[in-house]
Amino acid sequence: IPEKVEASWNFINKIWNASRYVLMQIENVEIKPVDSVKLTLADKWILNELNKTIESVDKKFDKYDIGMAASDLNDFFWNKFCDWYIELSKCDMNVNKEGTCSVLVYVLGETLKMLHPFIPFVTEKIYLELPNHDESIMISNWPKVSKFYDESKYIDEIMEIIRTIRNARAEKKVPDNKKINAEILIKNNKELYISCLPYISKMALTNEIKIVEKEGEFSDNSVNLTF
């Protein structure tokens, strides 16, 4: 029981801190519907993941599988929204702040609605601080699945590249505060993947990533990847 209480406390604290971050980012930014703003690949990825979570939670509620619904929400909010999307979105703030902030608010708001049956007071408090909110989260519309974006699959590949570089860092025992060199050979969708290099550089702590044209150009003192 003490372990479960501690885990619940940690999760609620995560919700609070992530929400504080979002509210700080959206100061003086006009928040618009997500279907009316420019979306980055990271935005499309998190919107797809939100859709999947809504579908999963609805099915589990229909079966009264409350514990698994809570588990799905925990995984989505902590791992996908906080650990991945919020970090990826920091790369897009300078080039697409209005769109990124609108997505942050939308995803946070929809997730709070699904979490409300489990965490009523904290979710109500945060929800009422979001722009364009209803009188209460209790009378707001339950989340519905929206448009899916095919392009989001590329972020899954980018995430795998980031994990690969992180694993290489761990194997070589590179300190967390030290950046490493990375070289990448891109065989397909070159322009699209080049646009994602800032994600890799930030999330994997690399110096500016070098693009090579063929495998023979790889050097020995860097992490070498082909995709």
C-alpha atoms as a PDB file:
ATOM      1  CA  ILE A   1       0.000   0.000   0.000  1.00  0.00           C
ATOM      2  CA  PRO A   2       2.707   2.611   0.840  1.00  0.00           C
ATOM      3  CA  GLU A   3       4.294   1.970  -2.560  1.00  0.00           C
ATOM      4  CA  LYS A   4       0.972   2.579  -4.328  1.00  0.00           C
ATOM      5  CA  VAL A   5       0.409   5.786  -2.384  1.00  0.00           C
ATOM      6  CA  GLU A   6       3.890   6.992  -3.300  1.00  0.00           C
ATOM      7  CA  ALA A   7       3.373   6.087  -6.962  1.00  0.00           C
ATOM      8  CA  SER A   8       0.060   7.959  -7.023  1.00  0.00           C
ATOM      9  CA  TRP A   9       1.659  10.980  -5.354  1.00  0.00           C
ATOM     10  CA  ASN A  10       4.484  10.983  -7.897  1.00  0.00           C
ATOM     11  CA  PHE A  11       2.013  10.817 -10.785  1.00  0.00           C
ATOM     12  CA  ILE A  12      -0.122  13.664  -9.443  1.00  0.00           C
ATOM     13  CA  ASN A  13       3.051  15.704  -8.933  1.00  0.00           C
ATOM     14  CA  LYS A  14       4.022  14.952 -12.543  1.00  0.00           C
ATOM     15  CA  ILE A  15       0.626  16.191 -13.748  1.00  0.00           C
ATOM     16  CA  TRP A  16       0.973  19.379 -11.713  1.00  0.00           C
ATOM     17  CA  ASN A  17       4.507  20.154 -12.884  1.00  0.00           C
ATOM     18  CA  ALA A  18       3.766  19.411 -16.550  1.00  0.00           C
ATOM     19  CA  SER A  19       0.674  21.612 -16.376  1.00  0.00           C
ATOM     20  CA  ARG A  20       2.685  24.450 -14.809  1.00  0.00           C
ATOM     21  CA  TYR A  21       5.136  24.171 -17.697  1.00  0.00           C
ATOM     22  CA  VAL A  22       2.357  24.331 -20.301  1.00  0.00           C
ATOM     23  CA  LEU A  23       0.732  27.334 -18.622  1.00  0.00           C
ATOM     24  CA  MET A  24       4.087  29.146 -18.580  1.00  0.00           C
ATOM     25  CA  GLN A  25       4.637  28.508 -22.281  1.00  0.00           C
ATOM     26  CA  ILE A  26       1.237  29.786 -23.396  1.00  0.00           C
ATOM     27  CA  GLU A  27       1.458  33.202 -21.762  1.00  0.00           C
ATOM     28  CA  ASN A  28       0.610  35.884 -24.353  1.00  0.00           C
ATOM     29  CA  VAL A  29      -0.005  33.212 -27.015  1.00  0.00           C
ATOM     30  CA  GLU A  30      -3.341  32.921 -28.813  1.00  0.00           C
ATOM     31  CA  ILE A  31      -4.601  29.366 -28.402  1.00  0.00           C
ATOM     32  CA  LYS A  32      -6.563  28.128 -31.411  1.00  0.00           C
ATOM     33  CA  PRO A  33      -8.303  24.852 -32.336  1.00  0.00           C
ATOM     34  CA  VAL A  34      -5.690  22.319 -33.410  1.00  0.00           C
ATOM     35  CA  ASP A  35      -7.371  21.860 -36.788  1.00  0.00           C
ATOM     36  CA  SER A  36      -6.712  25.518 -37.621  1.00  0.00           C
ATOM     37  CA  VAL A  37      -2.984  25.743 -36.848  1.00  0.00           C
ATOM     38  CA  LYS A  38       0.169  24.507 -38.524  1.00  0.00           C
ATOM     39  CA  LEU A  39       1.224  21.146 -37.109  1.00  0.00           C
ATOM     40  CA  THR A  40       4.739  19.732 -36.888  1.00  0.00           C
ATOM     41  CA  LEU A  41       5.519  16.021 -37.072  1.00  0.00           C
ATOM     42  CA  ALA A  42       5.764  15.901 -33.290  1.00  0.00           C
ATOM     43  CA  ASP A  43       2.341  17.542 -33.002  1.00  0.00           C
ATOM     44  CA  LYS A  44       0.805  14.981 -35.349  1.00  0.00           C
ATOM     45  CA  TRP A  45       2.448  12.148 -33.446  1.00  0.00           C
ATOM     46  CA  ILE A  46       1.049  13.178 -30.049  1.00  0.00           C
ATOM     47  CA  LEU A  47      -2.417  13.781 -31.529  1.00  0.00           C
ATOM     48  CA  ASN A  48      -2.350  10.242 -32.932  1.00  0.00           C
ATOM     49  CA  GLU A  49      -1.221   8.867 -29.575  1.00  0.00           C
ATOM     50  CA  LEU A  50      -4.020  10.801 -27.861  1.00  0.00           C
ATOM     51  CA  ASN A  51      -6.535   9.265 -30.280  1.00  0.00           C
ATOM     52  CA  LYS A  52      -5.232   5.789 -29.497  1.00  0.00           C
ATOM     53  CA  THR A  53      -5.491   6.476 -25.776  1.00  0.00           C
ATOM     54  CA  ILE A  54      -9.072   7.753 -26.070  1.00  0.00           C
ATOM     55  CA  GLU A  55     -10.024   4.592 -27.964  1.00  0.00           C
ATOM     56  CA  SER A  56      -8.304   2.359 -25.425  1.00  0.00           C
ATOM     57  CA  VAL A  57      -9.732   4.112 -22.362  1.00  0.00           C
ATOM     58  CA  ASP A  58     -13.268   4.088 -23.809  1.00  0.00           C
ATOM     59  CA  LYS A  59     -13.081   0.342 -24.454  1.00  0.00           C
ATOM     60  CA  LYS A  60     -11.810  -0.370 -20.947  1.00  0.00           C
ATOM     61  CA  PHE A  61     -14.471   1.825 -19.327  1.00  0.00           C
ATOM     62  CA  ASP A  62     -17.120  -0.035 -21.338  1.00  0.00           C
ATOM     63  CA  LYS A  63     -15.811  -3.286 -19.834  1.00  0.00           C
ATOM     64  CA  TYR A  64     -15.518  -1.725 -16.338  1.00  0.00           C
ATOM     65  CA  ASP A  65     -11.785  -2.421 -16.512  1.00  0.00           C
ATOM     66  CA  ILE A  66     -11.022   0.705 -14.498  1.00  0.00           C
ATOM     67  CA  GLY A  67      -7.530  -0.277 -13.384  1.00  0.00           C
ATOM     68  CA  MET A  68      -6.285  -0.836 -16.924  1.00  0.00           C
ATOM     69  CA  ALA A  69      -7.858   2.431 -18.079  1.00  0.00           C
ATOM     70  CA  ALA A  70      -5.906   4.227 -15.344  1.00  0.00           C
ATOM     71  CA  SER A  71      -2.738   2.397 -16.402  1.00  0.00           C
ATOM     72  CA  ASP A  72      -3.202   3.498 -20.035  1.00  0.00           C
ATOM     73  CA  LEU A  73      -3.637   7.119 -18.947  1.00  0.00           C
ATOM     74  CA  ASN A  74      -0.575   6.952 -16.728  1.00  0.00           C
ATOM     75  CA  ASP A  75       1.531   5.600 -19.590  1.00  0.00           C
ATOM     76  CA  PHE A  76       0.230   8.170 -22.070  1.00  0.00           C
ATOM     77  CA  PHE A  77       0.667  11.189 -19.824  1.00  0.00           C
ATOM     78  CA  TRP A  78       3.983  10.287 -18.229  1.00  0.00           C
ATOM     79  CA  ASN A  79       5.826   8.565 -21.080  1.00  0.00           C
ATOM     80  CA  LYS A  80       4.359   9.936 -24.290  1.00  0.00           C
ATOM     81  CA  PHE A  81       3.194  13.415 -23.343  1.00  0.00           C
ATOM     82  CA  CYS A  82       5.813  14.391 -20.742  1.00  0.00           C
ATOM     83  CA  ASP A  83       8.921  12.361 -21.560  1.00  0.00           C
ATOM     84  CA  TRP A  84       8.593  12.625 -25.337  1.00  0.00           C
ATOM     85  CA  TYR A  85       6.203  15.246 -26.658  1.00  0.00           C
ATOM     86  CA  ILE A  86       6.967  18.077 -24.242  1.00  0.00           C
ATOM     87  CA  GLU A  87      10.702  17.595 -24.881  1.00  0.00           C
ATOM     88  CA  LEU A  88      10.236  17.392 -28.664  1.00  0.00           C
ATOM     89  CA  SER A  89       7.975  20.449 -28.616  1.00  0.00           C
ATOM     90  CA  LYS A  90      10.778  22.564 -27.175  1.00  0.00           C
ATOM     91  CA  CYS A  91      12.501  22.288 -30.573  1.00  0.00           C
ATOM     92  CA  ASP A  92       9.396  23.682 -32.300  1.00  0.00           C
ATOM     93  CA  MET A  93       8.669  26.617 -29.995  1.00  0.00           C
ATOM     94  CA  ASN A  94      10.824  29.085 -31.923  1.00  0.00           C
ATOM     95  CA  VAL A  95       9.447  28.196 -35.345  1.00  0.00           C
ATOM     96  CA  ASN A  96       5.815  27.269 -34.613  1.00  0.00           C
ATOM     97  CA  LYS A  97       4.923  28.564 -31.148  1.00  0.00           C
ATOM     98  CA  GLU A  98       1.231  29.203 -31.804  1.00  0.00           C
ATOM     99  CA  GLY A  99       0.672  25.716 -33.217  1.00  0.00           C
ATOM    100  CA  THR A 100       2.771  23.952 -30.601  1.00  0.00           C
ATOM    101  CA  CYS A 101       1.120  25.799 -27.702  1.00  0.00           C
ATOM    102  CA  SER A 102      -2.324  25.056 -29.111  1.00  0.00           C
ATOM    103  CA  VAL A 103      -1.496  21.350 -29.252  1.00  0.00           C
ATOM    104  CA  LEU A 104      -0.036  21.390 -25.740  1.00  0.00           C
ATOM    105  CA  VAL A 105      -3.238  22.914 -24.357  1.00  0.00           C
ATOM    106  CA  TYR A 106      -5.515  20.608 -26.347  1.00  0.00           C
ATOM    107  CA  VAL A 107      -3.735  17.386 -25.381  1.00  0.00           C
ATOM    108  CA  LEU A 108      -3.401  18.438 -21.739  1.00  0.00           C
ATOM    109  CA  GLY A 109      -7.078  19.403 -21.553  1.00  0.00           C
ATOM    110  CA  GLU A 110      -8.342  16.179 -23.134  1.00  0.00           C
ATOM    111  CA  THR A 111      -6.100  14.102 -20.880  1.00  0.00           C
ATOM    112  CA  LEU A 112      -7.293  15.950 -17.766  1.00  0.00           C
ATOM    113  CA  LYS A 113     -10.880  15.085 -18.717  1.00  0.00           C
ATOM    114  CA  MET A 114     -10.028  11.381 -18.891  1.00  0.00           C
ATOM    115  CA  LEU A 115      -8.097  11.574 -15.620  1.00  0.00           C
ATOM    116  CA  HIS A 116     -10.878  13.458 -13.818  1.00  0.00           C
ATOM    117  CA  PRO A 117     -12.767  10.334 -12.604  1.00  0.00           C
ATOM    118  CA  PHE A 118      -9.545   9.202 -10.906  1.00  0.00           C
ATOM    119  CA  ILE A 119      -8.110  12.559  -9.763  1.00  0.00           C
ATOM    120  CA  PRO A 120     -11.075  14.960  -9.489  1.00  0.00           C
ATOM    121  CA  PHE A 121      -9.732  17.908  -7.500  1.00  0.00           C
ATOM    122  CA  VAL A 122      -6.327  18.402  -9.117  1.00  0.00           C
ATOM    123  CA  THR A 123      -7.702  17.991 -12.644  1.00  0.00           C
ATOM    124  CA  GLU A 124     -10.502  20.507 -11.961  1.00  0.00           C
ATOM    125  CA  LYS A 125      -8.032  23.025 -10.562  1.00  0.00           C
ATOM    126  CA  ILE A 126      -5.703  22.783 -13.574  1.00  0.00           C
ATOM    127  CA  TYR A 127      -8.523  22.654 -16.130  1.00  0.00           C
ATOM    128  CA  LEU A 128      -9.952  25.969 -14.905  1.00  0.00           C
ATOM    129  CA  GLU A 129      -6.587  27.624 -15.541  1.00  0.00           C
ATOM    130  CA  LEU A 130      -6.513  26.556 -19.197  1.00  0.00           C
ATOM    131  CA  PRO A 131      -7.748  28.999 -21.854  1.00  0.00           C
ATOM    132  CA  ASN A 132     -11.170  28.498 -23.446  1.00  0.00           C
ATOM    133  CA  HIS A 133     -12.404  26.186 -20.670  1.00  0.00           C
ATOM    134  CA  ASP A 134     -16.000  25.358 -19.747  1.00  0.00           C
ATOM    135  CA  GLU A 135     -17.509  26.311 -16.390  1.00  0.00           C
ATOM    136  CA  SER A 136     -16.283  23.028 -14.931  1.00  0.00           C
ATOM    137  CA  ILE A 137     -14.421  19.991 -16.191  1.00  0.00           C
ATOM    138  CA  MET A 138     -17.403  17.945 -14.978  1.00  0.00           C
ATOM    139  CA  ILE A 139     -19.692  19.418 -17.648  1.00  0.00           C
ATOM    140  CA  SER A 140     -17.109  19.527 -20.452  1.00  0.00           C
ATOM    141  CA  ASN A 141     -17.426  17.147 -23.377  1.00  0.00           C
ATOM    142  CA  TRP A 142     -15.738  13.782 -23.022  1.00  0.00           C
ATOM    143  CA  PRO A 143     -12.803  13.453 -25.468  1.00  0.00           C
ATOM    144  CA  LYS A 144     -13.551  12.074 -28.912  1.00  0.00           C
ATOM    145  CA  VAL A 145     -11.194  10.559 -31.469  1.00  0.00           C
ATOM    146  CA  SER A 146     -10.201  13.119 -34.088  1.00  0.00           C
ATOM    147  CA  LYS A 147      -8.163  12.982 -37.274  1.00  0.00           C
ATOM    148  CA  PHE A 148      -5.270  10.520 -37.565  1.00  0.00           C
ATOM    149  CA  TYR A 149      -2.054  11.632 -39.311  1.00  0.00           C
ATOM    150  CA  ASP A 150      -0.028   9.146 -41.365  1.00  0.00           C
ATOM    151  CA  GLU A 151       3.130  11.270 -41.113  1.00  0.00           C
ATOM    152  CA  SER A 152       3.417  10.659 -37.388  1.00  0.00           C
ATOM    153  CA  LYS A 153       5.031   7.278 -38.096  1.00  0.00           C
ATOM    154  CA  TYR A 154       8.271   9.107 -38.873  1.00  0.00           C
ATOM    155  CA  ILE A 155       8.480  10.326 -35.276  1.00  0.00           C
ATOM    156  CA  ASP A 156       8.395   6.685 -34.140  1.00  0.00           C
ATOM    157  CA  GLU A 157      11.503   6.109 -36.264  1.00  0.00           C
ATOM    158  CA  ILE A 158      13.154   9.267 -34.922  1.00  0.00           C
ATOM    159  CA  MET A 159      12.458   8.068 -31.379  1.00  0.00           C
ATOM    160  CA  GLU A 160      14.150   4.750 -32.173  1.00  0.00           C
ATOM    161  CA  ILE A 161      17.212   6.622 -33.452  1.00  0.00           C
ATOM    162  CA  ILE A 162      17.279   8.664 -30.238  1.00  0.00           C
ATOM    163  CA  ARG A 163      17.125   5.467 -28.174  1.00  0.00           C
ATOM    164  CA  THR A 164      19.968   3.970 -30.224  1.00  0.00           C
ATOM    165  CA  ILE A 165      22.193   6.995 -29.586  1.00  0.00           C
ATOM    166  CA  ARG A 166      21.276   7.003 -25.900  1.00  0.00           C
ATOM    167  CA  ASN A 167      22.209   3.318 -25.664  1.00  0.00           C
ATOM    168  CA  ALA A 168      25.548   4.077 -27.336  1.00  0.00           C
ATOM    169  CA  ARG A 169      26.138   6.851 -24.809  1.00  0.00           C
ATOM    170  CA  ALA A 170      25.395   4.460 -21.949  1.00  0.00           C
ATOM    171  CA  GLU A 171      27.686   1.746 -23.347  1.00  0.00           C
ATOM    172  CA  LYS A 172      30.548   4.232 -23.674  1.00  0.00           C
ATOM    173  CA  LYS A 173      29.701   5.746 -20.254  1.00  0.00           C
ATOM    174  CA  VAL A 174      29.453   9.269 -21.656  1.00  0.00           C
ATOM    175  CA  PRO A 175      28.508  11.774 -18.911  1.00  0.00           C
ATOM    176  CA  ASP A 176      25.013  13.257 -19.171  1.00  0.00           C
ATOM    177  CA  ASN A 177      26.410  16.779 -19.538  1.00  0.00           C
ATOM    178  CA  LYS A 178      28.673  15.914 -22.498  1.00  0.00           C
ATOM    179  CA  LYS A 179      27.543  15.993 -26.118  1.00  0.00           C
ATOM    180  CA  ILE A 180      28.745  13.376 -28.605  1.00  0.00           C
ATOM    181  CA  ASN A 181      29.269  13.379 -32.360  1.00  0.00           C
ATOM    182  CA  ALA A 182      26.791  11.629 -34.643  1.00  0.00           C
ATOM    183  CA  GLU A 183      26.850  10.949 -38.378  1.00  0.00           C
ATOM    184  CA  ILE A 184      23.804   9.824 -40.327  1.00  0.00           C
ATOM    185  CA  LEU A 185      23.293   8.364 -43.783  1.00  0.00           C
ATOM    186  CA  ILE A 186      19.739   9.052 -44.987  1.00  0.00           C
ATOM    187  CA  LYS A 187      18.577   6.811 -47.834  1.00  0.00           C
ATOM    188  CA  ASN A 188      14.900   7.791 -48.110  1.00  0.00           C
ATOM    189  CA  ASN A 189      12.752  10.863 -47.419  1.00  0.00           C
ATOM    190  CA  LYS A 190      15.905  12.912 -46.958  1.00  0.00           C
ATOM    191  CA  GLU A 191      14.295  16.358 -46.585  1.00  0.00           C
ATOM    192  CA  LEU A 192      11.773  15.084 -44.068  1.00  0.00           C
ATOM    193  CA  TYR A 193      14.380  13.404 -41.880  1.00  0.00           C
ATOM    194  CA  ILE A 194      16.721  16.391 -42.072  1.00  0.00           C
ATOM    195  CA  SER A 195      13.889  18.507 -40.668  1.00  0.00           C
ATOM    196  CA  CYS A 196      13.811  16.106 -37.688  1.00  0.00           C
ATOM    197  CA  LEU A 197      17.527  16.352 -36.875  1.00  0.00           C
ATOM    198  CA  PRO A 198      16.960  19.041 -34.191  1.00  0.00           C
ATOM    199  CA  TYR A 199      14.792  16.491 -32.333  1.00  0.00           C
ATOM    200  CA  ILE A 200      17.610  13.937 -32.416  1.00  0.00           C
ATOM    201  CA  SER A 201      20.272  16.442 -31.422  1.00  0.00           C
ATOM    202  CA  LYS A 202      18.310  17.736 -28.433  1.00  0.00           C
ATOM    203  CA  MET A 203      16.951  14.428 -27.140  1.00  0.00           C
ATOM    204  CA  ALA A 204      20.160  12.433 -27.634  1.00  0.00           C
ATOM    205  CA  LEU A 205      22.574  15.217 -26.625  1.00  0.00           C
ATOM    206  CA  THR A 206      24.655  15.344 -29.787  1.00  0.00           C
ATOM    207  CA  ASN A 207      26.671  18.070 -31.436  1.00  0.00           C
ATOM    208  CA  GLU A 208      25.497  19.214 -34.842  1.00  0.00           C
ATOM    209  CA  ILE A 209      24.701  16.017 -36.745  1.00  0.00           C
ATOM    210  CA  LYS A 210      26.741  15.398 -39.890  1.00  0.00           C
ATOM    211  CA  ILE A 211      24.976  14.026 -42.953  1.00  0.00           C
ATOM    212  CA  VAL A 212      27.110  11.621 -44.994  1.00  0.00           C
ATOM    213  CA  GLU A 213      26.397  10.578 -48.568  1.00  0.00           C
ATOM    214  CA  LYS A 214      27.703   6.992 -48.393  1.00  0.00           C
ATOM    215  CA  GLU A 215      28.811   4.475 -45.761  1.00  0.00           C
ATOM    216  CA  GLY A 216      32.499   4.882 -46.578  1.00  0.00           C
ATOM    217  CA  GLU A 217      32.368   8.455 -45.282  1.00  0.00           C
ATOM    218  CA  PHE A 218      31.627   7.462 -41.678  1.00  0.00           C
ATOM    219  CA  SER A 219      34.348   8.336 -39.171  1.00  0.00           C
ATOM    220  CA  ASP A 220      35.420   6.222 -36.213  1.00  0.00           C
ATOM    221  CA  ASN A 221      34.915   8.782 -33.437  1.00  0.00           C
ATOM    222  CA  SER A 222      31.132   9.207 -33.729  1.00  0.00           C
ATOM    223  CA  VAL A 223      27.867   7.287 -33.507  1.00  0.00           C
ATOM    224  CA  ASN A 224      27.051   6.153 -37.059  1.00  0.00           C
ATOM    225  CA  LEU A 225      23.440   5.561 -38.146  1.00  0.00           C
ATOM    226  CA  THR A 226      21.714   4.693 -41.418  1.00  0.00           C
ATOM    227  CA  PHE A 227      18.001   5.162 -42.082  1.00  0.00           C
END
